[in-house]
Amino acid sequence: MLWNCPYCNHPITPKTLKSVKLEAEDGRRAMLCPACDQEVEMDVHPAEYWQLAIPAVGLLFLWWASKSGGDTAMVLAGGVVAAGLVTTMVVKKRVLGPWRRFRIPPSKASRKP
């Protein structure tokens, strides 16, 4: 995932990201790039939500396998958990690798420098 500013392409880390109160907009809080002081917004990819759902499915299969008590159920549950881990790694590498974490807010997009 690319953690760069959409304005100046400066790398942003969670430690350097500034959150300030905007006086002109009734005290609304906004995130600012530490290099160019332009407002940025988090851009969440829908695949990030699926990454949270995959371990939940694995936990459901493990719960089911523990209730059924069979060896086949445990092997099946282990396979689902392993497939979930592999799927999460592939999504992180292929889908989220080139994704930009920050975007220009829609209200500011028409005023891009």
Protein backbone atom coordinates (compact mmCIF):
# COMPACT_ATOMS: atom_id res chain seq x y z
CA MET A 1 0.00 0.00 0.00
CA LEU A 2 1.34 3.39 -0.96
CA TRP A 3 1.38 5.81 1.96
CA ASN A 4 2.23 8.91 -0.10
CA CYS A 5 0.57 12.32 -0.21
CA PRO A 6 -1.60 12.75 -3.34
CA TYR A 7 -0.42 16.38 -3.65
CA CYS A 8 3.35 16.25 -3.18
CA ASN A 9 4.01 12.46 -3.16
CA HIS A 10 5.84 12.80 0.18
CA PRO A 11 5.76 9.55 2.24
CA ILE A 12 3.38 9.77 5.18
CA THR A 13 3.58 7.56 8.26
CA PRO A 14 0.99 7.31 11.03
CA LYS A 15 3.45 9.13 13.32
CA THR A 16 3.95 12.10 10.97
CA LEU A 17 0.31 12.51 9.92
CA LYS A 18 -1.16 15.64 11.49
CA SER A 19 -4.73 15.94 12.70
CA VAL A 20 -5.80 19.55 13.15
CA LYS A 21 -9.01 21.39 13.91
CA LEU A 22 -10.19 23.58 11.02
CA GLU A 23 -11.45 26.92 12.31
CA ALA A 24 -13.10 27.90 9.02
CA GLU A 25 -15.30 24.79 9.01
CA ASP A 26 -16.85 24.85 12.50
CA GLY A 27 -13.99 23.00 14.19
CA ARG A 28 -14.07 19.93 11.96
CA ARG A 29 -10.93 17.80 12.34
CA ALA A 30 -8.88 17.03 9.24
CA MET A 31 -5.68 15.15 8.43
CA LEU A 32 -2.87 17.16 6.89
CA CYS A 33 0.25 16.09 5.02
CA PRO A 34 3.33 16.93 7.13
CA ALA A 35 5.25 18.22 4.08
CA CYS A 36 2.79 20.42 2.19
CA ASP A 37 0.04 21.02 4.83
CA GLN A 38 -2.71 20.02 2.39
CA GLU A 39 -5.79 18.14 3.58
CA VAL A 40 -5.80 14.39 2.83
CA GLU A 41 -8.43 11.71 3.44
CA MET A 42 -8.12 7.97 4.08
CA ASP A 43 -9.04 5.87 1.06
CA VAL A 44 -10.21 2.45 2.25
CA HIS A 45 -10.31 -0.33 -0.35
CA PRO A 46 -13.31 -2.73 -0.14
CA ALA A 47 -10.87 -5.67 -0.08
CA GLU A 48 -9.74 -4.54 3.37
CA TYR A 49 -13.16 -5.46 4.75
CA TRP A 50 -12.94 -8.90 3.15
CA GLN A 51 -9.57 -9.39 4.82
CA LEU A 52 -11.40 -9.07 8.13
CA ALA A 53 -14.12 -11.53 7.08
CA ILE A 54 -11.73 -14.32 6.03
CA PRO A 55 -10.40 -15.04 9.58
CA ALA A 56 -14.00 -14.95 10.88
CA VAL A 57 -14.96 -17.73 8.45
CA GLY A 58 -11.90 -19.72 9.57
CA LEU A 59 -12.92 -19.32 13.21
CA LEU A 60 -16.45 -20.52 12.40
CA PHE A 61 -15.02 -23.62 10.72
CA LEU A 62 -12.77 -24.29 13.71
CA TRP A 63 -15.75 -23.94 16.06
CA TRP A 64 -17.77 -26.33 13.89
CA ALA A 65 -14.89 -28.82 13.79
CA SER A 66 -14.52 -28.73 17.58
CA LYS A 67 -18.24 -29.44 18.01
CA SER A 68 -18.33 -32.33 15.52
CA GLY A 69 -15.24 -33.99 17.01
CA GLY A 70 -14.17 -35.80 13.84
CA ASP A 71 -10.72 -35.92 12.29
CA THR A 72 -12.09 -35.05 8.86
CA ALA A 73 -13.73 -31.91 10.25
CA MET A 74 -10.44 -30.76 11.82
CA VAL A 75 -8.53 -31.36 8.58
CA LEU A 76 -11.21 -29.45 6.66
CA ALA A 77 -11.08 -26.59 9.17
CA GLY A 78 -7.28 -26.50 8.96
CA GLY A 79 -7.55 -26.31 5.17
CA VAL A 80 -10.01 -23.41 5.39
CA VAL A 81 -7.74 -21.53 7.80
CA ALA A 82 -4.69 -22.12 5.56
CA ALA A 83 -6.66 -21.00 2.47
CA GLY A 84 -7.72 -17.90 4.38
CA LEU A 85 -4.13 -17.04 5.23
CA VAL A 86 -2.99 -17.54 1.63
CA THR A 87 -5.92 -15.48 0.32
CA THR A 88 -5.12 -12.67 2.75
CA MET A 89 -1.48 -12.60 1.61
CA VAL A 90 -2.48 -12.57 -2.08
CA VAL A 91 -4.99 -9.75 -1.54
CA LYS A 92 -2.42 -7.73 0.39
CA LYS A 93 0.24 -8.19 -2.30
CA ARG A 94 -1.80 -8.01 -5.54
CA VAL A 95 -4.82 -5.86 -4.76
CA LEU A 96 -3.62 -3.56 -1.99
CA GLY A 97 0.01 -3.28 -3.14
CA PRO A 98 -0.51 -0.48 -5.69
CA TRP A 99 -3.43 1.10 -3.77
CA ARG A 100 -2.95 4.68 -2.50
CA ARG A 101 -3.88 4.98 1.19
CA PHE A 102 -4.66 8.71 0.98
CA ARG A 103 -6.75 10.68 -1.48
CA ILE A 104 -7.76 14.27 -2.04
CA PRO A 105 -11.08 14.94 -0.27
CA PRO A 106 -13.98 15.32 -2.74
CA SER A 107 -14.68 18.85 -1.52
CA LYS A 108 -11.06 19.85 -2.28
CA ALA A 109 -10.64 17.90 -5.55
CA SER A 110 -11.76 20.82 -7.72
CA ARG A 111 -9.11 23.04 -6.09
CA LYS A 112 -6.14 20.71 -6.63
CA PRO A 113 -2.92 22.75 -7.10
